[in-house]
């Protein structure tokens, strides 16, 4: 029987992810669609600290996820003895709400809708309590970072999606006027006992999106490749 770490890291994979497998990742709704919570909870590896599942009208994933995006992230991830991971999971903690989740969002090249929606909820605008469909490439990016640290501890989310009002509130702290947080493409992260410099180096090595290193956290996004310090 596989343990939680084997499932999260993808150590159960028996072969690489073929192009035909990645092609099955296409879905029908755009990034940025608002998700509506219901009372039912999704299947997770461990009981999460909250329960969430989208309504029937909510999207599972946006339709603009590109096979080349996944291939690029996959190529930067360390290989296991069994090949490229067939399962991808995340262990996240929301700094602002103290919620924690461990879930597998990618299984044999297919997204798990409840798990994806749960991760979106973890990255919601907690001030406005608004959950949006996040760019799935962001979750693969976070997975690749967590893969580098061998899933020994969670990635702490300090900021995910932001409404326009929340972003305006944070403008005084240096938030960009058209921040990718508002477009469901960015997250600010921390890993305990790991410097922002180290996290940023891991993220930059993946070669996807923007990486901003600040004193106490690292910004990662799925926009154009660029780096900066704040």
C-alpha atoms as a PDB file:
ATOM      1  CA  UNK A   1       0.000   0.000   0.000  1.00  0.00           C
ATOM      2  CA  UNK A   2       1.273   3.452  -0.857  1.00  0.00           C
ATOM      3  CA  UNK A   3       1.822   5.911   1.950  1.00  0.00           C
ATOM      4  CA  UNK A   4       0.868   9.580   1.767  1.00  0.00           C
ATOM      5  CA  UNK A   5       4.352  10.756   0.820  1.00  0.00           C
ATOM      6  CA  UNK A   6       4.586   8.261  -2.046  1.00  0.00           C
ATOM      7  CA  UNK A   7       1.285   9.463  -3.472  1.00  0.00           C
ATOM      8  CA  UNK A   8       2.048  13.171  -3.077  1.00  0.00           C
ATOM      9  CA  UNK A   9       5.494  12.934  -4.619  1.00  0.00           C
ATOM     10  CA  UNK A  10       4.509  10.626  -7.432  1.00  0.00           C
ATOM     11  CA  UNK A  11       6.875   7.831  -6.414  1.00  0.00           C
ATOM     12  CA  UNK A  12       4.228   5.367  -7.553  1.00  0.00           C
ATOM     13  CA  UNK A  13       4.745   6.291 -11.203  1.00  0.00           C
ATOM     14  CA  UNK A  14       5.679   3.480 -13.527  1.00  0.00           C
ATOM     15  CA  UNK A  15       6.305   5.539 -16.654  1.00  0.00           C
ATOM     16  CA  UNK A  16       6.747   9.098 -17.944  1.00  0.00           C
ATOM     17  CA  UNK A  17       3.843  11.344 -18.774  1.00  0.00           C
ATOM     18  CA  UNK A  18       3.206  10.952 -22.479  1.00  0.00           C
ATOM     19  CA  UNK A  19       1.983  13.757 -24.684  1.00  0.00           C
ATOM     20  CA  UNK A  20      -1.331  11.950 -25.122  1.00  0.00           C
ATOM     21  CA  UNK A  21      -1.738  11.839 -21.344  1.00  0.00           C
ATOM     22  CA  UNK A  22      -1.111  15.551 -20.978  1.00  0.00           C
ATOM     23  CA  UNK A  23      -3.655  16.224 -23.693  1.00  0.00           C
ATOM     24  CA  UNK A  24      -6.395  14.879 -21.442  1.00  0.00           C
ATOM     25  CA  UNK A  25      -5.844  17.863 -19.147  1.00  0.00           C
ATOM     26  CA  UNK A  26      -8.077  20.115 -21.235  1.00  0.00           C
ATOM     27  CA  UNK A  27     -11.279  21.341 -19.598  1.00  0.00           C
ATOM     28  CA  UNK A  28     -14.103  23.678 -20.409  1.00  0.00           C
ATOM     29  CA  UNK A  29     -13.944  26.850 -18.296  1.00  0.00           C
ATOM     30  CA  UNK A  30     -11.599  29.850 -18.025  1.00  0.00           C
ATOM     31  CA  UNK A  31      -9.250  30.872 -15.249  1.00  0.00           C
ATOM     32  CA  UNK A  32     -10.865  33.450 -12.999  1.00  0.00           C
ATOM     33  CA  UNK A  33     -14.355  31.929 -12.838  1.00  0.00           C
ATOM     34  CA  UNK A  34     -15.746  32.237  -9.340  1.00  0.00           C
ATOM     35  CA  UNK A  35     -16.267  28.944  -7.522  1.00  0.00           C
ATOM     36  CA  UNK A  36     -19.258  28.510  -5.222  1.00  0.00           C
ATOM     37  CA  UNK A  37     -18.765  26.326  -2.119  1.00  0.00           C
ATOM     38  CA  UNK A  38     -21.248  23.700  -0.978  1.00  0.00           C
ATOM     39  CA  UNK A  39     -21.436  21.570   2.148  1.00  0.00           C
ATOM     40  CA  UNK A  40     -19.883  18.405   0.747  1.00  0.00           C
ATOM     41  CA  UNK A  41     -16.176  17.784   1.224  1.00  0.00           C
ATOM     42  CA  UNK A  42     -13.808  16.351  -1.396  1.00  0.00           C
ATOM     43  CA  UNK A  43     -11.816  13.168  -1.086  1.00  0.00           C
ATOM     44  CA  UNK A  44      -8.390  13.879   0.387  1.00  0.00           C
ATOM     45  CA  UNK A  45      -5.510  11.828   1.712  1.00  0.00           C
ATOM     46  CA  UNK A  46      -6.225  13.110   5.216  1.00  0.00           C
ATOM     47  CA  UNK A  47      -9.219  14.911   6.625  1.00  0.00           C
ATOM     48  CA  UNK A  48      -8.618  18.607   5.884  1.00  0.00           C
ATOM     49  CA  UNK A  49      -9.377  21.366   8.340  1.00  0.00           C
ATOM     50  CA  UNK A  50     -12.270  22.550   6.179  1.00  0.00           C
ATOM     51  CA  UNK A  51     -14.788  21.106   3.767  1.00  0.00           C
ATOM     52  CA  UNK A  52     -15.280  22.424   0.271  1.00  0.00           C
ATOM     53  CA  UNK A  53     -16.538  21.337  -3.098  1.00  0.00           C
ATOM     54  CA  UNK A  54     -17.721  23.448  -6.030  1.00  0.00           C
ATOM     55  CA  UNK A  55     -21.311  23.550  -7.124  1.00  0.00           C
ATOM     56  CA  UNK A  56     -22.369  21.724 -10.270  1.00  0.00           C
ATOM     57  CA  UNK A  57     -21.934  24.966 -12.215  1.00  0.00           C
ATOM     58  CA  UNK A  58     -18.364  25.513 -11.089  1.00  0.00           C
ATOM     59  CA  UNK A  59     -15.487  24.744 -13.461  1.00  0.00           C
ATOM     60  CA  UNK A  60     -13.033  21.973 -12.753  1.00  0.00           C
ATOM     61  CA  UNK A  61     -10.189  23.609 -14.672  1.00  0.00           C
ATOM     62  CA  UNK A  62      -9.640  26.342 -17.257  1.00  0.00           C
ATOM     63  CA  UNK A  63      -9.394  25.378 -20.897  1.00  0.00           C
ATOM     64  CA  UNK A  64      -6.176  27.218 -21.725  1.00  0.00           C
ATOM     65  CA  UNK A  65      -3.770  24.889 -19.939  1.00  0.00           C
ATOM     66  CA  UNK A  66      -1.131  24.001 -22.504  1.00  0.00           C
ATOM     67  CA  UNK A  67       0.647  20.691 -22.854  1.00  0.00           C
ATOM     68  CA  UNK A  68       3.899  22.600 -23.332  1.00  0.00           C
ATOM     69  CA  UNK A  69       3.386  24.278 -19.943  1.00  0.00           C
ATOM     70  CA  UNK A  70       3.113  20.937 -18.201  1.00  0.00           C
ATOM     71  CA  UNK A  71       5.982  19.480 -20.173  1.00  0.00           C
ATOM     72  CA  UNK A  72       8.222  22.403 -19.196  1.00  0.00           C
ATOM     73  CA  UNK A  73       7.448  21.995 -15.502  1.00  0.00           C
ATOM     74  CA  UNK A  74       7.810  18.227 -15.707  1.00  0.00           C
ATOM     75  CA  UNK A  75      11.206  18.483 -17.398  1.00  0.00           C
ATOM     76  CA  UNK A  76      12.506  20.582 -14.505  1.00  0.00           C
ATOM     77  CA  UNK A  77      11.250  18.207 -11.808  1.00  0.00           C
ATOM     78  CA  UNK A  78      13.704  15.634 -10.426  1.00  0.00           C
ATOM     79  CA  UNK A  79      13.142  12.140 -11.772  1.00  0.00           C
ATOM     80  CA  UNK A  80      12.223   9.316  -9.423  1.00  0.00           C
ATOM     81  CA  UNK A  81      13.507   5.788  -9.873  1.00  0.00           C
ATOM     82  CA  UNK A  82      10.161   4.932 -11.435  1.00  0.00           C
ATOM     83  CA  UNK A  83      10.221   7.783 -13.920  1.00  0.00           C
ATOM     84  CA  UNK A  84       8.166  10.961 -14.037  1.00  0.00           C
ATOM     85  CA  UNK A  85       5.383  11.251 -11.448  1.00  0.00           C
ATOM     86  CA  UNK A  86       1.977   9.927 -12.409  1.00  0.00           C
ATOM     87  CA  UNK A  87       0.452  11.530  -9.317  1.00  0.00           C
ATOM     88  CA  UNK A  88       0.981  15.074  -8.098  1.00  0.00           C
ATOM     89  CA  UNK A  89      -0.177  16.376  -4.769  1.00  0.00           C
ATOM     90  CA  UNK A  90       0.276  19.405  -2.557  1.00  0.00           C
ATOM     91  CA  UNK A  91       0.596  19.958   1.165  1.00  0.00           C
ATOM     92  CA  UNK A  92      -0.490  23.533   1.834  1.00  0.00           C
ATOM     93  CA  UNK A  93      -1.194  25.674   4.877  1.00  0.00           C
ATOM     94  CA  UNK A  94      -3.038  28.982   4.657  1.00  0.00           C
ATOM     95  CA  UNK A  95      -1.174  31.425   6.891  1.00  0.00           C
ATOM     96  CA  UNK A  96      -4.181  33.700   7.343  1.00  0.00           C
ATOM     97  CA  UNK A  97      -6.853  31.093   8.112  1.00  0.00           C
ATOM     98  CA  UNK A  98      -4.764  28.250   9.606  1.00  0.00           C
ATOM     99  CA  UNK A  99      -6.367  25.804   7.160  1.00  0.00           C
ATOM    100  CA  UNK A 100      -4.293  22.851   6.041  1.00  0.00           C
ATOM    101  CA  UNK A 101      -4.800  20.454   3.150  1.00  0.00           C
ATOM    102  CA  UNK A 102      -2.955  17.462   1.721  1.00  0.00           C
ATOM    103  CA  UNK A 103      -4.480  16.351  -1.532  1.00  0.00           C
ATOM    104  CA  UNK A 104      -3.673  14.826  -4.923  1.00  0.00           C
ATOM    105  CA  UNK A 105      -4.820  17.083  -7.754  1.00  0.00           C
ATOM    106  CA  UNK A 106      -3.283  15.190 -10.698  1.00  0.00           C
ATOM    107  CA  UNK A 107      -3.789  11.461 -11.230  1.00  0.00           C
ATOM    108  CA  UNK A 108      -2.381   9.683 -14.280  1.00  0.00           C
ATOM    109  CA  UNK A 109      -2.615  12.835 -16.390  1.00  0.00           C
ATOM    110  CA  UNK A 110      -6.139  13.720 -15.277  1.00  0.00           C
ATOM    111  CA  UNK A 111      -7.107  16.485 -12.860  1.00  0.00           C
ATOM    112  CA  UNK A 112      -9.153  15.620  -9.790  1.00  0.00           C
ATOM    113  CA  UNK A 113     -11.961  18.186  -9.783  1.00  0.00           C
ATOM    114  CA  UNK A 114     -12.696  18.251  -6.020  1.00  0.00           C
ATOM    115  CA  UNK A 115      -8.987  18.416  -5.186  1.00  0.00           C
ATOM    116  CA  UNK A 116      -8.402  21.239  -7.681  1.00  0.00           C
ATOM    117  CA  UNK A 117     -11.353  23.162  -6.285  1.00  0.00           C
ATOM    118  CA  UNK A 118     -10.126  22.607  -2.750  1.00  0.00           C
ATOM    119  CA  UNK A 119      -6.730  24.033  -3.633  1.00  0.00           C
ATOM    120  CA  UNK A 120      -8.433  27.033  -5.233  1.00  0.00           C
ATOM    121  CA  UNK A 121     -10.332  27.536  -1.984  1.00  0.00           C
ATOM    122  CA  UNK A 122      -7.063  27.454  -0.051  1.00  0.00           C
ATOM    123  CA  UNK A 123      -5.792  30.283  -2.259  1.00  0.00           C
ATOM    124  CA  UNK A 124      -8.985  32.326  -2.023  1.00  0.00           C
ATOM    125  CA  UNK A 125      -9.144  36.003  -1.088  1.00  0.00           C
ATOM    126  CA  UNK A 126      -9.663  35.409   2.636  1.00  0.00           C
ATOM    127  CA  UNK A 127     -10.553  39.029   3.315  1.00  0.00           C
ATOM    128  CA  UNK A 128     -13.475  38.954   0.870  1.00  0.00           C
ATOM    129  CA  UNK A 129     -14.011  35.166   1.083  1.00  0.00           C
ATOM    130  CA  UNK A 130     -13.989  34.880  -2.711  1.00  0.00           C
ATOM    131  CA  UNK A 131     -12.757  31.677  -4.354  1.00  0.00           C
ATOM    132  CA  UNK A 132     -11.738  31.789  -8.013  1.00  0.00           C
ATOM    133  CA  UNK A 133     -10.569  29.168 -10.512  1.00  0.00           C
ATOM    134  CA  UNK A 134      -6.781  29.404 -10.285  1.00  0.00           C
ATOM    135  CA  UNK A 135      -4.385  28.831 -13.163  1.00  0.00           C
ATOM    136  CA  UNK A 136      -3.594  25.099 -12.777  1.00  0.00           C
ATOM    137  CA  UNK A 137      -0.040  25.764 -13.931  1.00  0.00           C
ATOM    138  CA  UNK A 138       0.430  27.513 -10.576  1.00  0.00           C
ATOM    139  CA  UNK A 139      -0.328  24.269  -8.733  1.00  0.00           C
ATOM    140  CA  UNK A 140       2.167  22.383 -10.898  1.00  0.00           C
ATOM    141  CA  UNK A 141       4.727  25.088 -10.136  1.00  0.00           C
ATOM    142  CA  UNK A 142       4.073  24.761  -6.392  1.00  0.00           C
ATOM    143  CA  UNK A 143       4.272  20.991  -6.733  1.00  0.00           C
ATOM    144  CA  UNK A 144       7.670  21.239  -8.440  1.00  0.00           C
ATOM    145  CA  UNK A 145       8.951  23.485  -5.637  1.00  0.00           C
ATOM    146  CA  UNK A 146       7.633  21.125  -2.975  1.00  0.00           C
ATOM    147  CA  UNK A 147       9.124  18.191  -4.872  1.00  0.00           C
ATOM    148  CA  UNK A 148      12.534  19.850  -4.485  1.00  0.00           C
ATOM    149  CA  UNK A 149      12.191  19.899  -0.699  1.00  0.00           C
ATOM    150  CA  UNK A 150      11.042  16.259  -0.685  1.00  0.00           C
ATOM    151  CA  UNK A 151       7.640  17.030   0.841  1.00  0.00           C
ATOM    152  CA  UNK A 152       9.117  17.275   4.328  1.00  0.00           C
ATOM    153  CA  UNK A 153       6.893  20.210   5.287  1.00  0.00           C
ATOM    154  CA  UNK A 154       4.025  22.240   3.876  1.00  0.00           C
ATOM    155  CA  UNK A 155       4.186  25.283   1.657  1.00  0.00           C
ATOM    156  CA  UNK A 156       2.627  28.159   3.567  1.00  0.00           C
ATOM    157  CA  UNK A 157       0.391  30.397   1.469  1.00  0.00           C
ATOM    158  CA  UNK A 158       0.452  34.003   2.642  1.00  0.00           C
ATOM    159  CA  UNK A 159      -1.454  35.370  -0.357  1.00  0.00           C
ATOM    160  CA  UNK A 160      -3.248  33.834  -3.322  1.00  0.00           C
ATOM    161  CA  UNK A 161      -6.112  35.274  -5.317  1.00  0.00           C
ATOM    162  CA  UNK A 162      -6.957  38.916  -4.599  1.00  0.00           C
ATOM    163  CA  UNK A 163     -10.045  40.870  -5.495  1.00  0.00           C
ATOM    164  CA  UNK A 164      -9.586  44.363  -6.882  1.00  0.00           C
ATOM    165  CA  UNK A 165     -10.521  45.832  -3.493  1.00  0.00           C
ATOM    166  CA  UNK A 166      -8.003  43.676  -1.645  1.00  0.00           C
ATOM    167  CA  UNK A 167      -5.268  44.495  -4.117  1.00  0.00           C
ATOM    168  CA  UNK A 168      -6.016  48.196  -3.710  1.00  0.00           C
ATOM    169  CA  UNK A 169      -5.787  47.755   0.055  1.00  0.00           C
ATOM    170  CA  UNK A 170      -2.343  46.209  -0.362  1.00  0.00           C
ATOM    171  CA  UNK A 171      -1.092  48.882  -2.759  1.00  0.00           C
ATOM    172  CA  UNK A 172       0.449  50.668   0.214  1.00  0.00           C
ATOM    173  CA  UNK A 173       2.599  47.565   0.773  1.00  0.00           C
ATOM    174  CA  UNK A 174       3.855  47.594  -2.799  1.00  0.00           C
ATOM    175  CA  UNK A 175       1.292  45.456  -4.610  1.00  0.00           C
ATOM    176  CA  UNK A 176       1.285  46.022  -8.378  1.00  0.00           C
ATOM    177  CA  UNK A 177      -1.703  47.911  -9.765  1.00  0.00           C
ATOM    178  CA  UNK A 178      -2.455  45.048 -12.170  1.00  0.00           C
ATOM    179  CA  UNK A 179      -1.120  42.258  -9.984  1.00  0.00           C
ATOM    180  CA  UNK A 180      -1.324  38.692 -11.292  1.00  0.00           C
ATOM    181  CA  UNK A 181      -2.882  37.845  -7.932  1.00  0.00           C
ATOM    182  CA  UNK A 182      -6.045  39.441  -9.344  1.00  0.00           C
ATOM    183  CA  UNK A 183      -5.834  37.172 -12.397  1.00  0.00           C
ATOM    184  CA  UNK A 184      -5.621  33.921 -10.400  1.00  0.00           C
ATOM    185  CA  UNK A 185      -2.023  33.405 -11.484  1.00  0.00           C
ATOM    186  CA  UNK A 186       0.059  34.167  -8.395  1.00  0.00           C
ATOM    187  CA  UNK A 187       0.830  33.134  -4.856  1.00  0.00           C
ATOM    188  CA  UNK A 188       3.124  34.375  -2.102  1.00  0.00           C
ATOM    189  CA  UNK A 189       4.744  31.510  -0.219  1.00  0.00           C
ATOM    190  CA  UNK A 190       6.869  30.640   2.802  1.00  0.00           C
ATOM    191  CA  UNK A 191       8.491  27.387   3.908  1.00  0.00           C
ATOM    192  CA  UNK A 192       9.439  27.106   7.566  1.00  0.00           C
ATOM    193  CA  UNK A 193      13.168  26.974   8.303  1.00  0.00           C
ATOM    194  CA  UNK A 194      13.973  27.815   4.695  1.00  0.00           C
ATOM    195  CA  UNK A 195      15.185  31.221   3.585  1.00  0.00           C
ATOM    196  CA  UNK A 196      13.396  33.222   0.931  1.00  0.00           C
ATOM    197  CA  UNK A 197      16.626  33.130  -1.067  1.00  0.00           C
ATOM    198  CA  UNK A 198      16.634  29.316  -1.117  1.00  0.00           C
ATOM    199  CA  UNK A 199      12.955  29.066  -2.062  1.00  0.00           C
ATOM    200  CA  UNK A 200      13.479  31.597  -4.845  1.00  0.00           C
ATOM    201  CA  UNK A 201      16.426  29.615  -6.224  1.00  0.00           C
ATOM    202  CA  UNK A 202      14.327  26.454  -6.331  1.00  0.00           C
ATOM    203  CA  UNK A 203      11.519  28.314  -8.084  1.00  0.00           C
ATOM    204  CA  UNK A 204      13.832  29.995 -10.593  1.00  0.00           C
ATOM    205  CA  UNK A 205      15.385  26.648 -11.509  1.00  0.00           C
ATOM    206  CA  UNK A 206      11.997  25.474 -12.769  1.00  0.00           C
ATOM    207  CA  UNK A 207      11.991  28.224 -15.378  1.00  0.00           C
ATOM    208  CA  UNK A 208       8.297  29.065 -15.268  1.00  0.00           C
ATOM    209  CA  UNK A 209       6.777  32.495 -14.617  1.00  0.00           C
ATOM    210  CA  UNK A 210       7.824  35.343 -12.371  1.00  0.00           C
ATOM    211  CA  UNK A 211       9.770  34.927  -9.133  1.00  0.00           C
ATOM    212  CA  UNK A 212       9.995  37.811  -6.678  1.00  0.00           C
ATOM    213  CA  UNK A 213      12.171  37.460  -3.582  1.00  0.00           C
ATOM    214  CA  UNK A 214      11.208  39.519  -0.554  1.00  0.00           C
ATOM    215  CA  UNK A 215      12.637  39.512   2.951  1.00  0.00           C
ATOM    216  CA  UNK A 216      10.033  37.192   4.444  1.00  0.00           C
ATOM    217  CA  UNK A 217       8.341  35.494   1.478  1.00  0.00           C
ATOM    218  CA  UNK A 218       8.628  34.587  -2.201  1.00  0.00           C
ATOM    219  CA  UNK A 219       6.169  35.579  -4.920  1.00  0.00           C
ATOM    220  CA  UNK A 220       5.600  33.008  -7.675  1.00  0.00           C
ATOM    221  CA  UNK A 221       3.356  33.420 -10.698  1.00  0.00           C
ATOM    222  CA  UNK A 222       2.637  31.942 -14.121  1.00  0.00           C
ATOM    223  CA  UNK A 223       3.186  35.112 -16.114  1.00  0.00           C
ATOM    224  CA  UNK A 224       6.238  36.029 -18.170  1.00  0.00           C
ATOM    225  CA  UNK A 225       9.596  34.695 -16.981  1.00  0.00           C
ATOM    226  CA  UNK A 226      11.269  37.374 -14.865  1.00  0.00           C
ATOM    227  CA  UNK A 227      12.896  37.833 -11.448  1.00  0.00           C
ATOM    228  CA  UNK A 228      13.121  40.697  -8.979  1.00  0.00           C
ATOM    229  CA  UNK A 229      13.798  41.553  -5.359  1.00  0.00           C
ATOM    230  CA  UNK A 230      11.496  43.564  -3.139  1.00  0.00           C
END
